[in-house]
Amino acid sequence: MKHIESLIKKANKSETGSTSLPFVTIGSEVEIQDLSAQEVHRFRLVAPFSTSVGGGDISYISPVGKALLLKRVGDEVTVNAPAGVFRYKIKSIKWRGD
């Protein structure tokens, strides 16, 4: 846990002003590419009972959220969802901060 906290602190103290994160966390915006349809999607991971849920927000306990949590750019994930099995590649991870 201390290692994760250390990585988050380093990401927040970036001297370049970058908002990129080393891995997917709650509150991060994730850009993923569907490996079969080649479509790109952007989501923000939120808590399941978040009061500021908007379009493009997904819960970290949803099938997609569970698959993305703590993954890194370049990782490929498989999502077992009610609509079927989907494969995605993580393209970017940023802190949205709102």
Foldseek 3Di string as FASTA:
>chain_A
DVVVVVQVVCCVPDPVPFFFGFAADQQKKWWKAFPPVRDIAIAHEHDPPDPPDDPRYDHCPAQVNVQRGGHGQQDKTWGQHPVGITIIGIHTIGRPPD
